[in-house]
Each structure stands twice: as structure tokens, then as C-alpha cells.
Amino acid sequence: HVANMYPIELDVAKSVAASKAVVGVTWDAVAQINAQHSHDQASVTKQQAIDLLRKNSRDAADAVRKFSDEELDNAAPFSLSADAPMTAQYVIEDHAMRHSFHHLSKIRAALKK
């Protein structure tokens, strides 16, 4: 799921970096994407998931490094946040980067039980 979202989250960040509003992204849309992904990838092996995560996280890191300071500072309305203007830097940090850490902390907590 996280590996699958990296390219999507980067496309959103690129839109904001170009000062283009992000529209139509809602929590319902996110839930639908996640449900469809879960259904479509039900037979993926652990190794396949790890391989995709490594590839897409590496590609995402490379893409983030290419953002200019000006692009990172650009802001645009962001539908997932009630159309509040978000900078590209915020979108990258709060979505693409935090996403994996959020899930990792949940996994670690579950393993401690």
C-alpha cells in the first residue's frame, strides 16, 4: 500500500509545486484507492512487496531531491485539507514521507502486543 502510493503522492506534490490546486482528493477517495489496492494485490508475496517498496521509495527520494526551493515553497489549495493552501514541502513531508513512518509505527505497536 505505501509503495503503491509513492508515485501518486509525488504527482500531487508536483501539482502543488506548480501552484495547481489539488481537487477531488478526499478521504473517501483514499479509502477507495486503498480498498481496490488491497483487493488487486491480495496474492502479492512479502518479497514482492518489499521489492516494490524499495524501488518506489528510492524513486520517490530521487524525485524529491529534484524539487527546487521555489517549487517547495509554492502553495496551492489542497482538497484533502478542506482546500487550505499547502506548500509542496508540506505535502511531501506530511504525506509521502510521513505515510511510511505512520504505518511502521502501527506495525511495531501491533508486534509488541
PDB file of N, CA and C in Angstrom:
ATOM      1  N   HIS A   1       0.822  -1.190   0.000  1.00  0.00           N
ATOM      2  CA  HIS A   1       0.000   0.000   0.000  1.00  0.00           C
ATOM      3  C   HIS A   1       0.875   1.266   0.000  1.00  0.00           C
ATOM      4  N   VAL A   2       1.838   1.329   0.879  1.00  0.00           N
ATOM      5  CA  VAL A   2       2.718   2.502   0.928  1.00  0.00           C
ATOM      6  C   VAL A   2       3.506   2.611  -0.368  1.00  0.00           C
ATOM      7  N   ALA A   3       4.052   1.502  -0.818  1.00  0.00           N
ATOM      8  CA  ALA A   3       4.836   1.512  -2.065  1.00  0.00           C
ATOM      9  C   ALA A   3       3.986   1.977  -3.237  1.00  0.00           C
ATOM     10  N   ASN A   4       2.761   1.538  -3.266  1.00  0.00           N
ATOM     11  CA  ASN A   4       1.840   1.903  -4.339  1.00  0.00           C
ATOM     12  C   ASN A   4       1.511   3.396  -4.319  1.00  0.00           C
ATOM     13  N   MET A   5       1.495   3.997  -3.146  1.00  0.00           N
ATOM     14  CA  MET A   5       1.090   5.394  -3.016  1.00  0.00           C
ATOM     15  C   MET A   5       2.200   6.392  -3.338  1.00  0.00           C
ATOM     16  N   TYR A   6       3.455   5.990  -3.246  1.00  0.00           N
ATOM     17  CA  TYR A   6       4.545   6.938  -3.508  1.00  0.00           C
ATOM     18  C   TYR A   6       4.392   7.685  -4.831  1.00  0.00           C
ATOM     19  N   PRO A   7       4.168   6.994  -5.959  1.00  0.00           N
ATOM     20  CA  PRO A   7       4.039   7.741  -7.219  1.00  0.00           C
ATOM     21  C   PRO A   7       2.839   8.693  -7.222  1.00  0.00           C
ATOM     22  N   ILE A   8       1.743   8.277  -6.615  1.00  0.00           N
ATOM     23  CA  ILE A   8       0.546   9.118  -6.557  1.00  0.00           C
ATOM     24  C   ILE A   8       0.825  10.354  -5.705  1.00  0.00           C
ATOM     25  N   GLU A   9       1.433  10.146  -4.546  1.00  0.00           N
ATOM     26  CA  GLU A   9       1.735  11.265  -3.656  1.00  0.00           C
ATOM     27  C   GLU A   9       2.723  12.239  -4.300  1.00  0.00           C
ATOM     28  N   LEU A  10       3.658  11.720  -5.076  1.00  0.00           N
ATOM     29  CA  LEU A  10       4.596  12.604  -5.774  1.00  0.00           C
ATOM     30  C   LEU A  10       3.903  13.413  -6.863  1.00  0.00           C
ATOM     31  N   ASP A  11       2.952  12.799  -7.556  1.00  0.00           N
ATOM     32  CA  ASP A  11       2.197  13.548  -8.561  1.00  0.00           C
ATOM     33  C   ASP A  11       1.446  14.708  -7.908  1.00  0.00           C
ATOM     34  N   VAL A  12       0.879  14.449  -6.735  1.00  0.00           N
ATOM     35  CA  VAL A  12       0.177  15.512  -6.002  1.00  0.00           C
ATOM     36  C   VAL A  12       1.164  16.618  -5.621  1.00  0.00           C
ATOM     37  N   ALA A  13       2.311  16.240  -5.104  1.00  0.00           N
ATOM     38  CA  ALA A  13       3.322  17.235  -4.712  1.00  0.00           C
ATOM     39  C   ALA A  13       3.792  18.035  -5.920  1.00  0.00           C
ATOM     40  N   LYS A  14       3.943  17.391  -7.056  1.00  0.00           N
ATOM     41  CA  LYS A  14       4.358  18.103  -8.274  1.00  0.00           C
ATOM     42  C   LYS A  14       3.295  19.111  -8.713  1.00  0.00           C
ATOM     43  N   SER A  15       2.029  18.746  -8.558  1.00  0.00           N
ATOM     44  CA  SER A  15       0.955  19.684  -8.883  1.00  0.00           C
ATOM     45  C   SER A  15       1.035  20.913  -7.997  1.00  0.00           C
ATOM     46  N   VAL A  16       1.192  20.698  -6.697  1.00  0.00           N
ATOM     47  CA  VAL A  16       1.293  21.820  -5.765  1.00  0.00           C
ATOM     48  C   VAL A  16       2.539  22.648  -6.077  1.00  0.00           C
ATOM     49  N   ALA A  17       3.639  21.984  -6.399  1.00  0.00           N
ATOM     50  CA  ALA A  17       4.875  22.697  -6.733  1.00  0.00           C
ATOM     51  C   ALA A  17       4.686  23.593  -7.954  1.00  0.00           C
ATOM     52  N   ALA A  18       3.754  23.218  -8.817  1.00  0.00           N
ATOM     53  CA  ALA A  18       3.436  24.026  -9.993  1.00  0.00           C
ATOM     54  C   ALA A  18       2.287  24.993  -9.713  1.00  0.00           C
ATOM     55  N   SER A  19       1.924  25.134  -8.430  1.00  0.00           N
ATOM     56  CA  SER A  19       0.834  26.021  -7.981  1.00  0.00           C
ATOM     57  C   SER A  19      -0.521  25.633  -8.557  1.00  0.00           C
ATOM     58  N   LYS A  20      -0.717  24.348  -8.823  1.00  0.00           N
ATOM     59  CA  LYS A  20      -2.002  23.851  -9.321  1.00  0.00           C
ATOM     60  C   LYS A  20      -2.785  23.263  -8.148  1.00  0.00           C
ATOM     61  N   ALA A  21      -4.031  23.678  -8.027  1.00  0.00           N
ATOM     62  CA  ALA A  21      -4.885  23.172  -6.958  1.00  0.00           C
ATOM     63  C   ALA A  21      -5.068  21.656  -7.092  1.00  0.00           C
ATOM     64  N   VAL A  22      -5.107  20.986  -5.960  1.00  0.00           N
ATOM     65  CA  VAL A  22      -5.388  19.555  -5.918  1.00  0.00           C
ATOM     66  C   VAL A  22      -6.870  19.420  -5.586  1.00  0.00           C
ATOM     67  N   VAL A  23      -7.631  18.879  -6.519  1.00  0.00           N
ATOM     68  CA  VAL A  23      -9.076  18.750  -6.348  1.00  0.00           C
ATOM     69  C   VAL A  23      -9.486  17.287  -6.425  1.00  0.00           C
ATOM     70  N   GLY A  24     -10.577  16.962  -5.774  1.00  0.00           N
ATOM     71  CA  GLY A  24     -11.126  15.613  -5.853  1.00  0.00           C
ATOM     72  C   GLY A  24     -10.460  14.593  -4.958  1.00  0.00           C
ATOM     73  N   VAL A  25      -9.446  14.989  -4.233  1.00  0.00           N
ATOM     74  CA  VAL A  25      -8.797  14.060  -3.306  1.00  0.00           C
ATOM     75  C   VAL A  25      -9.507  14.216  -1.965  1.00  0.00           C
ATOM     76  N   THR A  26     -10.239  13.175  -1.599  1.00  0.00           N
ATOM     77  CA  THR A  26     -10.989  13.159  -0.343  1.00  0.00           C
ATOM     78  C   THR A  26     -10.604  11.901   0.426  1.00  0.00           C
ATOM     79  N   TRP A  27     -10.985  11.846   1.698  1.00  0.00           N
ATOM     80  CA  TRP A  27     -10.699  10.639   2.475  1.00  0.00           C
ATOM     81  C   TRP A  27     -11.480   9.458   1.928  1.00  0.00           C
ATOM     82  N   ASP A  28     -12.666   9.696   1.369  1.00  0.00           N
ATOM     83  CA  ASP A  28     -13.413   8.607   0.727  1.00  0.00           C
ATOM     84  C   ASP A  28     -12.657   8.086  -0.489  1.00  0.00           C
ATOM     85  N   ALA A  29     -12.093   8.983  -1.275  1.00  0.00           N
ATOM     86  CA  ALA A  29     -11.308   8.564  -2.447  1.00  0.00           C
ATOM     87  C   ALA A  29     -10.083   7.765  -2.010  1.00  0.00           C
ATOM     88  N   VAL A  30      -9.426   8.217  -0.945  1.00  0.00           N
ATOM     89  CA  VAL A  30      -8.269   7.490  -0.416  1.00  0.00           C
ATOM     90  C   VAL A  30      -8.686   6.099   0.037  1.00  0.00           C
ATOM     91  N   ALA A  31      -9.800   5.999   0.738  1.00  0.00           N
ATOM     92  CA  ALA A  31     -10.290   4.696   1.200  1.00  0.00           C
ATOM     93  C   ALA A  31     -10.605   3.776   0.021  1.00  0.00           C
ATOM     94  N   GLN A  32     -11.161   4.327  -1.044  1.00  0.00           N
ATOM     95  CA  GLN A  32     -11.457   3.525  -2.234  1.00  0.00           C
ATOM     96  C   GLN A  32     -10.177   3.032  -2.902  1.00  0.00           C
ATOM     97  N   ILE A  33      -9.184   3.909  -3.005  1.00  0.00           N
ATOM     98  CA  ILE A  33      -7.897   3.503  -3.583  1.00  0.00           C
ATOM     99  C   ILE A  33      -7.290   2.375  -2.747  1.00  0.00           C
ATOM    100  N   ASN A  34      -7.312   2.537  -1.432  1.00  0.00           N
ATOM    101  CA  ASN A  34      -6.742   1.523  -0.547  1.00  0.00           C
ATOM    102  C   ASN A  34      -7.484   0.197  -0.654  1.00  0.00           C
ATOM    103  N   ALA A  35      -8.810   0.237  -0.701  1.00  0.00           N
ATOM    104  CA  ALA A  35      -9.601  -0.990  -0.813  1.00  0.00           C
ATOM    105  C   ALA A  35      -9.333  -1.693  -2.141  1.00  0.00           C
ATOM    106  N   GLN A  36      -9.285  -0.928  -3.219  1.00  0.00           N
ATOM    107  CA  GLN A  36      -9.014  -1.521  -4.534  1.00  0.00           C
ATOM    108  C   GLN A  36      -7.615  -2.125  -4.573  1.00  0.00           C
ATOM    109  N   HIS A  37      -6.659  -1.399  -4.016  1.00  0.00           N
ATOM    110  CA  HIS A  37      -5.288  -1.907  -3.980  1.00  0.00           C
ATOM    111  C   HIS A  37      -5.212  -3.204  -3.188  1.00  0.00           C
ATOM    112  N   SER A  38      -5.864  -3.250  -2.041  1.00  0.00           N
ATOM    113  CA  SER A  38      -5.877  -4.453  -1.217  1.00  0.00           C
ATOM    114  C   SER A  38      -6.469  -5.632  -1.989  1.00  0.00           C
ATOM    115  N   HIS A  39      -7.549  -5.385  -2.684  1.00  0.00           N
ATOM    116  CA  HIS A  39      -8.190  -6.438  -3.485  1.00  0.00           C
ATOM    117  C   HIS A  39      -7.278  -6.907  -4.614  1.00  0.00           C
ATOM    118  N   ASP A  40      -6.702  -5.954  -5.338  1.00  0.00           N
ATOM    119  CA  ASP A  40      -5.876  -6.280  -6.506  1.00  0.00           C
ATOM    120  C   ASP A  40      -4.568  -6.963  -6.132  1.00  0.00           C
ATOM    121  N   GLN A  41      -4.062  -6.705  -4.934  1.00  0.00           N
ATOM    122  CA  GLN A  41      -2.744  -7.220  -4.541  1.00  0.00           C
ATOM    123  C   GLN A  41      -2.822  -8.307  -3.476  1.00  0.00           C
ATOM    124  N   ALA A  42      -3.955  -8.954  -3.344  1.00  0.00           N
ATOM    125  CA  ALA A  42      -4.163  -9.944  -2.283  1.00  0.00           C
ATOM    126  C   ALA A  42      -3.157 -11.093  -2.326  1.00  0.00           C
ATOM    127  N   SER A  43      -2.616 -11.412  -3.482  1.00  0.00           N
ATOM    128  CA  SER A  43      -1.705 -12.556  -3.585  1.00  0.00           C
ATOM    129  C   SER A  43      -0.230 -12.168  -3.664  1.00  0.00           C
ATOM    130  N   VAL A  44       0.078 -10.903  -3.445  1.00  0.00           N
ATOM    131  CA  VAL A  44       1.468 -10.449  -3.501  1.00  0.00           C
ATOM    132  C   VAL A  44       2.251 -11.050  -2.338  1.00  0.00           C
ATOM    133  N   THR A  45       3.453 -11.507  -2.643  1.00  0.00           N
ATOM    134  CA  THR A  45       4.297 -12.075  -1.591  1.00  0.00           C
ATOM    135  C   THR A  45       4.984 -10.966  -0.796  1.00  0.00           C
ATOM    136  N   LYS A  46       5.489 -11.341   0.358  1.00  0.00           N
ATOM    137  CA  LYS A  46       6.223 -10.388   1.192  1.00  0.00           C
ATOM    138  C   LYS A  46       7.412  -9.833   0.415  1.00  0.00           C
ATOM    139  N   GLN A  47       8.139 -10.697  -0.287  1.00  0.00           N
ATOM    140  CA  GLN A  47       9.319 -10.243  -1.035  1.00  0.00           C
ATOM    141  C   GLN A  47       8.933  -9.284  -2.158  1.00  0.00           C
ATOM    142  N   GLN A  48       7.844  -9.561  -2.852  1.00  0.00           N
ATOM    143  CA  GLN A  48       7.389  -8.655  -3.908  1.00  0.00           C
ATOM    144  C   GLN A  48       7.039  -7.277  -3.327  1.00  0.00           C
ATOM    145  N   ALA A  49       6.388  -7.288  -2.177  1.00  0.00           N
ATOM    146  CA  ALA A  49       6.029  -6.025  -1.529  1.00  0.00           C
ATOM    147  C   ALA A  49       7.275  -5.250  -1.122  1.00  0.00           C
ATOM    148  N   ILE A  50       8.243  -5.944  -0.556  1.00  0.00           N
ATOM    149  CA  ILE A  50       9.492  -5.294  -0.144  1.00  0.00           C
ATOM    150  C   ILE A  50      10.234  -4.738  -1.359  1.00  0.00           C
ATOM    151  N   ASP A  51      10.290  -5.522  -2.427  1.00  0.00           N
ATOM    152  CA  ASP A  51      10.976  -5.073  -3.641  1.00  0.00           C
ATOM    153  C   ASP A  51      10.328  -3.809  -4.212  1.00  0.00           C
ATOM    154  N   LEU A  52       8.993  -3.776  -4.250  1.00  0.00           N
ATOM    155  CA  LEU A  52       8.300  -2.601  -4.775  1.00  0.00           C
ATOM    156  C   LEU A  52       8.508  -1.399  -3.852  1.00  0.00           C
ATOM    157  N   LEU A  53       8.492  -1.642  -2.557  1.00  0.00           N
ATOM    158  CA  LEU A  53       8.720  -0.556  -1.607  1.00  0.00           C
ATOM    159  C   LEU A  53      10.118   0.025  -1.779  1.00  0.00           C
ATOM    160  N   ARG A  54      11.106  -0.831  -1.936  1.00  0.00           N
ATOM    161  CA  ARG A  54      12.478  -0.338  -2.148  1.00  0.00           C
ATOM    162  C   ARG A  54      12.579   0.485  -3.423  1.00  0.00           C
ATOM    163  N   LYS A  55      12.004  -0.029  -4.510  1.00  0.00           N
ATOM    164  CA  LYS A  55      12.082   0.675  -5.787  1.00  0.00           C
ATOM    165  C   LYS A  55      11.347   2.011  -5.724  1.00  0.00           C
ATOM    166  N   ASN A  56      10.097   1.985  -5.268  1.00  0.00           N
ATOM    167  CA  ASN A  56       9.300   3.208  -5.292  1.00  0.00           C
ATOM    168  C   ASN A  56       9.771   4.230  -4.265  1.00  0.00           C
ATOM    169  N   SER A  57      10.298   3.776  -3.129  1.00  0.00           N
ATOM    170  CA  SER A  57      10.817   4.745  -2.159  1.00  0.00           C
ATOM    171  C   SER A  57      12.109   5.370  -2.679  1.00  0.00           C
ATOM    172  N   ARG A  58      12.931   4.595  -3.363  1.00  0.00           N
ATOM    173  CA  ARG A  58      14.153   5.137  -3.970  1.00  0.00           C
ATOM    174  C   ARG A  58      13.788   6.144  -5.068  1.00  0.00           C
ATOM    175  N   ASP A  59      12.820   5.777  -5.914  1.00  0.00           N
ATOM    176  CA  ASP A  59      12.368   6.690  -6.973  1.00  0.00           C
ATOM    177  C   ASP A  59      11.776   7.969  -6.376  1.00  0.00           C
ATOM    178  N   ALA A  60      11.014   7.823  -5.289  1.00  0.00           N
ATOM    179  CA  ALA A  60      10.417   8.989  -4.634  1.00  0.00           C
ATOM    180  C   ALA A  60      11.495   9.891  -4.052  1.00  0.00           C
ATOM    181  N   ALA A  61      12.487   9.302  -3.404  1.00  0.00           N
ATOM    182  CA  ALA A  61      13.577  10.100  -2.825  1.00  0.00           C
ATOM    183  C   ALA A  61      14.314  10.858  -3.919  1.00  0.00           C
ATOM    184  N   ASP A  62      14.569  10.189  -5.038  1.00  0.00           N
ATOM    185  CA  ASP A  62      15.239  10.854  -6.165  1.00  0.00           C
ATOM    186  C   ASP A  62      14.397  12.014  -6.689  1.00  0.00           C
ATOM    187  N   ALA A  63      13.090  11.813  -6.788  1.00  0.00           N
ATOM    188  CA  ALA A  63      12.202  12.859  -7.298  1.00  0.00           C
ATOM    189  C   ALA A  63      12.139  14.044  -6.339  1.00  0.00           C
ATOM    190  N   VAL A  64      12.078  13.765  -5.046  1.00  0.00           N
ATOM    191  CA  VAL A  64      12.008  14.844  -4.055  1.00  0.00           C
ATOM    192  C   VAL A  64      13.271  15.698  -4.104  1.00  0.00           C
ATOM    193  N   ARG A  65      14.407  15.069  -4.294  1.00  0.00           N
ATOM    194  CA  ARG A  65      15.668  15.816  -4.360  1.00  0.00           C
ATOM    195  C   ARG A  65      15.713  16.789  -5.534  1.00  0.00           C
ATOM    196  N   LYS A  66      14.892  16.564  -6.551  1.00  0.00           N
ATOM    197  CA  LYS A  66      14.890  17.414  -7.741  1.00  0.00           C
ATOM    198  C   LYS A  66      14.024  18.663  -7.586  1.00  0.00           C
ATOM    199  N   PHE A  67      13.207  18.736  -6.542  1.00  0.00           N
ATOM    200  CA  PHE A  67      12.389  19.928  -6.329  1.00  0.00           C
ATOM    201  C   PHE A  67      13.300  21.105  -6.004  1.00  0.00           C
ATOM    202  N   SER A  68      13.041  22.233  -6.624  1.00  0.00           N
ATOM    203  CA  SER A  68      13.797  23.445  -6.288  1.00  0.00           C
ATOM    204  C   SER A  68      13.219  24.059  -5.013  1.00  0.00           C
ATOM    205  N   ASP A  69      13.976  24.957  -4.401  1.00  0.00           N
ATOM    206  CA  ASP A  69      13.474  25.653  -3.216  1.00  0.00           C
ATOM    207  C   ASP A  69      12.186  26.407  -3.550  1.00  0.00           C
ATOM    208  N   GLU A  70      12.157  27.021  -4.714  1.00  0.00           N
ATOM    209  CA  GLU A  70      10.956  27.753  -5.131  1.00  0.00           C
ATOM    210  C   GLU A  70       9.763  26.818  -5.255  1.00  0.00           C
ATOM    211  N   GLU A  71       9.957  25.662  -5.871  1.00  0.00           N
ATOM    212  CA  GLU A  71       8.860  24.703  -6.004  1.00  0.00           C
ATOM    213  C   GLU A  71       8.376  24.233  -4.637  1.00  0.00           C
ATOM    214  N   LEU A  72       9.312  23.972  -3.730  1.00  0.00           N
ATOM    215  CA  LEU A  72       8.930  23.530  -2.388  1.00  0.00           C
ATOM    216  C   LEU A  72       8.122  24.594  -1.654  1.00  0.00           C
ATOM    217  N   ASP A  73       8.394  25.857  -1.933  1.00  0.00           N
ATOM    218  CA  ASP A  73       7.695  26.970  -1.291  1.00  0.00           C
ATOM    219  C   ASP A  73       6.336  27.277  -1.918  1.00  0.00           C
ATOM    220  N   ASN A  74       6.108  26.813  -3.154  1.00  0.00           N
ATOM    221  CA  ASN A  74       4.826  27.087  -3.807  1.00  0.00           C
ATOM    222  C   ASN A  74       3.694  26.420  -3.031  1.00  0.00           C
ATOM    223  N   ALA A  75       2.551  27.087  -3.039  1.00  0.00           N
ATOM    224  CA  ALA A  75       1.373  26.568  -2.351  1.00  0.00           C
ATOM    225  C   ALA A  75       0.180  26.557  -3.300  1.00  0.00           C
ATOM    226  N   ALA A  76      -0.766  25.670  -2.988  1.00  0.00           N
ATOM    227  CA  ALA A  76      -1.998  25.588  -3.763  1.00  0.00           C
ATOM    228  C   ALA A  76      -3.079  24.989  -2.870  1.00  0.00           C
ATOM    229  N   PRO A  77      -4.344  25.264  -3.191  1.00  0.00           N
ATOM    230  CA  PRO A  77      -5.429  24.647  -2.427  1.00  0.00           C
ATOM    231  C   PRO A  77      -5.337  23.113  -2.523  1.00  0.00           C
ATOM    232  N   PHE A  78      -5.597  22.477  -1.392  1.00  0.00           N
ATOM    233  CA  PHE A  78      -5.437  21.023  -1.295  1.00  0.00           C
ATOM    234  C   PHE A  78      -6.733  20.427  -0.758  1.00  0.00           C
ATOM    235  N   SER A  79      -7.467  19.725  -1.612  1.00  0.00           N
ATOM    236  CA  SER A  79      -8.809  19.259  -1.255  1.00  0.00           C
ATOM    237  C   SER A  79      -8.831  18.320  -0.048  1.00  0.00           C
ATOM    238  N   LEU A  80      -7.790  17.555   0.169  1.00  0.00           N
ATOM    239  CA  LEU A  80      -7.767  16.633   1.309  1.00  0.00           C
ATOM    240  C   LEU A  80      -7.717  17.393   2.629  1.00  0.00           C
ATOM    241  N   SER A  81      -7.346  18.655   2.566  1.00  0.00           N
ATOM    242  CA  SER A  81      -7.272  19.506   3.755  1.00  0.00           C
ATOM    243  C   SER A  81      -8.252  20.672   3.648  1.00  0.00           C
ATOM    244  N   ALA A  82      -9.464  20.372   3.197  1.00  0.00           N
ATOM    245  CA  ALA A  82     -10.537  21.363   3.096  1.00  0.00           C
ATOM    246  C   ALA A  82     -10.141  22.559   2.226  1.00  0.00           C
ATOM    247  N   ASP A  83      -9.357  22.304   1.196  1.00  0.00           N
ATOM    248  CA  ASP A  83      -8.896  23.327   0.247  1.00  0.00           C
ATOM    249  C   ASP A  83      -7.992  24.381   0.864  1.00  0.00           C
ATOM    250  N   ALA A  84      -7.462  24.100   2.038  1.00  0.00           N
ATOM    251  CA  ALA A  84      -6.478  25.020   2.619  1.00  0.00           C
ATOM    252  C   ALA A  84      -5.235  25.001   1.739  1.00  0.00           C
ATOM    253  N   PRO A  85      -4.583  26.137   1.570  1.00  0.00           N
ATOM    254  CA  PRO A  85      -3.361  26.137   0.764  1.00  0.00           C
ATOM    255  C   PRO A  85      -2.238  25.405   1.508  1.00  0.00           C
ATOM    256  N   MET A  86      -1.611  24.505   0.812  1.00  0.00           N
ATOM    257  CA  MET A  86      -0.498  23.726   1.356  1.00  0.00           C
ATOM    258  C   MET A  86       0.709  23.951   0.460  1.00  0.00           C
ATOM    259  N   THR A  87       1.889  24.018   1.046  1.00  0.00           N
ATOM    260  CA  THR A  87       3.103  24.105   0.229  1.00  0.00           C
ATOM    261  C   THR A  87       3.476  22.710  -0.257  1.00  0.00           C
ATOM    262  N   ALA A  88       4.248  22.671  -1.308  1.00  0.00           N
ATOM    263  CA  ALA A  88       4.735  21.380  -1.803  1.00  0.00           C
ATOM    264  C   ALA A  88       5.584  20.692  -0.734  1.00  0.00           C
ATOM    265  N   GLN A  89       6.376  21.481  -0.014  1.00  0.00           N
ATOM    266  CA  GLN A  89       7.190  20.889   1.054  1.00  0.00           C
ATOM    267  C   GLN A  89       6.300  20.213   2.092  1.00  0.00           C
ATOM    268  N   TYR A  90       5.218  20.860   2.494  1.00  0.00           N
ATOM    269  CA  TYR A  90       4.320  20.277   3.478  1.00  0.00           C
ATOM    270  C   TYR A  90       3.699  18.987   2.951  1.00  0.00           C
ATOM    271  N   VAL A  91       3.256  19.015   1.698  1.00  0.00           N
ATOM    272  CA  VAL A  91       2.639  17.821   1.105  1.00  0.00           C
ATOM    273  C   VAL A  91       3.636  16.663   1.104  1.00  0.00           C
ATOM    274  N   ILE A  92       4.875  16.942   0.748  1.00  0.00           N
ATOM    275  CA  ILE A  92       5.895  15.893   0.732  1.00  0.00           C
ATOM    276  C   ILE A  92       6.141  15.369   2.141  1.00  0.00           C
ATOM    277  N   GLU A  93       6.320  16.273   3.081  1.00  0.00           N
ATOM    278  CA  GLU A  93       6.638  15.847   4.445  1.00  0.00           C
ATOM    279  C   GLU A  93       5.462  15.183   5.140  1.00  0.00           C
ATOM    280  N   ASP A  94       4.263  15.708   4.938  1.00  0.00           N
ATOM    281  CA  ASP A  94       3.111  15.191   5.661  1.00  0.00           C
ATOM    282  C   ASP A  94       2.486  13.973   4.997  1.00  0.00           C
ATOM    283  N   HIS A  95       2.694  13.801   3.726  1.00  0.00           N
ATOM    284  CA  HIS A  95       2.062  12.677   3.047  1.00  0.00           C
ATOM    285  C   HIS A  95       3.094  11.640   2.604  1.00  0.00           C
ATOM    286  N   ALA A  96       3.884  11.971   1.630  1.00  0.00           N
ATOM    287  CA  ALA A  96       4.811  10.973   1.077  1.00  0.00           C
ATOM    288  C   ALA A  96       5.788  10.437   2.124  1.00  0.00           C
ATOM    289  N   MET A  97       6.362  11.313   2.921  1.00  0.00           N
ATOM    290  CA  MET A  97       7.372  10.851   3.884  1.00  0.00           C
ATOM    291  C   MET A  97       6.743  10.310   5.164  1.00  0.00           C
ATOM    292  N   ARG A  98       5.770  11.002   5.710  1.00  0.00           N
ATOM    293  CA  ARG A  98       5.170  10.574   6.972  1.00  0.00           C
ATOM    294  C   ARG A  98       4.366   9.292   6.823  1.00  0.00           C
ATOM    295  N   HIS A  99       3.815   9.078   5.658  1.00  0.00           N
ATOM    296  CA  HIS A  99       2.955   7.931   5.409  1.00  0.00           C
ATOM    297  C   HIS A  99       3.623   6.614   5.821  1.00  0.00           C
ATOM    298  N   SER A 100       4.838   6.416   5.368  1.00  0.00           N
ATOM    299  CA  SER A 100       5.528   5.159   5.685  1.00  0.00           C
ATOM    300  C   SER A 100       5.841   5.061   7.177  1.00  0.00           C
ATOM    301  N   PHE A 101       6.238   6.178   7.788  1.00  0.00           N
ATOM    302  CA  PHE A 101       6.542   6.155   9.224  1.00  0.00           C
ATOM    303  C   PHE A 101       5.286   5.894  10.049  1.00  0.00           C
ATOM    304  N   HIS A 102       4.159   6.422   9.607  1.00  0.00           N
ATOM    305  CA  HIS A 102       2.885   6.191  10.288  1.00  0.00           C
ATOM    306  C   HIS A 102       2.576   4.695  10.321  1.00  0.00           C
ATOM    307  N   HIS A 103       2.675   4.062   9.163  1.00  0.00           N
ATOM    308  CA  HIS A 103       2.385   2.629   9.107  1.00  0.00           C
ATOM    309  C   HIS A 103       3.420   1.812   9.870  1.00  0.00           C
ATOM    310  N   LEU A 104       4.671   2.191   9.788  1.00  0.00           N
ATOM    311  CA  LEU A 104       5.717   1.472  10.513  1.00  0.00           C
ATOM    312  C   LEU A 104       5.463   1.510  12.020  1.00  0.00           C
ATOM    313  N   SER A 105       5.064   2.660  12.529  1.00  0.00           N
ATOM    314  CA  SER A 105       4.807   2.743  13.974  1.00  0.00           C
ATOM    315  C   SER A 105       3.605   1.889  14.358  1.00  0.00           C
ATOM    316  N   LYS A 106       2.612   1.813  13.513  1.00  0.00           N
ATOM    317  CA  LYS A 106       1.449   0.966  13.788  1.00  0.00           C
ATOM    318  C   LYS A 106       1.842  -0.518  13.771  1.00  0.00           C
ATOM    319  N   ILE A 107       2.692  -0.893  12.832  1.00  0.00           N
ATOM    320  CA  ILE A 107       3.162  -2.282  12.748  1.00  0.00           C
ATOM    321  C   ILE A 107       3.967  -2.637  13.990  1.00  0.00           C
ATOM    322  N   ARG A 108       4.881  -1.760  14.363  1.00  0.00           N
ATOM    323  CA  ARG A 108       5.696  -2.015  15.562  1.00  0.00           C
ATOM    324  C   ARG A 108       4.837  -2.138  16.806  1.00  0.00           C
ATOM    325  N   ALA A 109       3.840  -1.298  16.947  1.00  0.00           N
ATOM    326  CA  ALA A 109       2.944  -1.361  18.102  1.00  0.00           C
ATOM    327  C   ALA A 109       2.171  -2.675  18.113  1.00  0.00           C
ATOM    328  N   ALA A 110       1.719  -3.099  16.939  1.00  0.00           N
ATOM    329  CA  ALA A 110       0.965  -4.361  16.853  1.00  0.00           C
ATOM    330  C   ALA A 110       1.837  -5.553  17.200  1.00  0.00           C
ATOM    331  N   LEU A 111       3.104  -5.498  16.819  1.00  0.00           N
ATOM    332  CA  LEU A 111       4.014  -6.616  17.111  1.00  0.00           C
ATOM    333  C   LEU A 111       4.344  -6.717  18.594  1.00  0.00           C
ATOM    334  N   LYS A 112       4.221  -5.620  19.327  1.00  0.00           N
ATOM    335  CA  LYS A 112       4.505  -5.635  20.766  1.00  0.00           C
ATOM    336  C   LYS A 112       3.379  -6.275  21.569  1.00  0.00           C
ATOM    337  N   LYS A 113       2.220  -6.402  20.977  1.00  0.00           N
ATOM    338  CA  LYS A 113       1.056  -6.956  21.695  1.00  0.00           C
ATOM    339  C   LYS A 113       1.165  -8.449  21.863  1.00  0.00           C
TER     340      LYS A 113
END
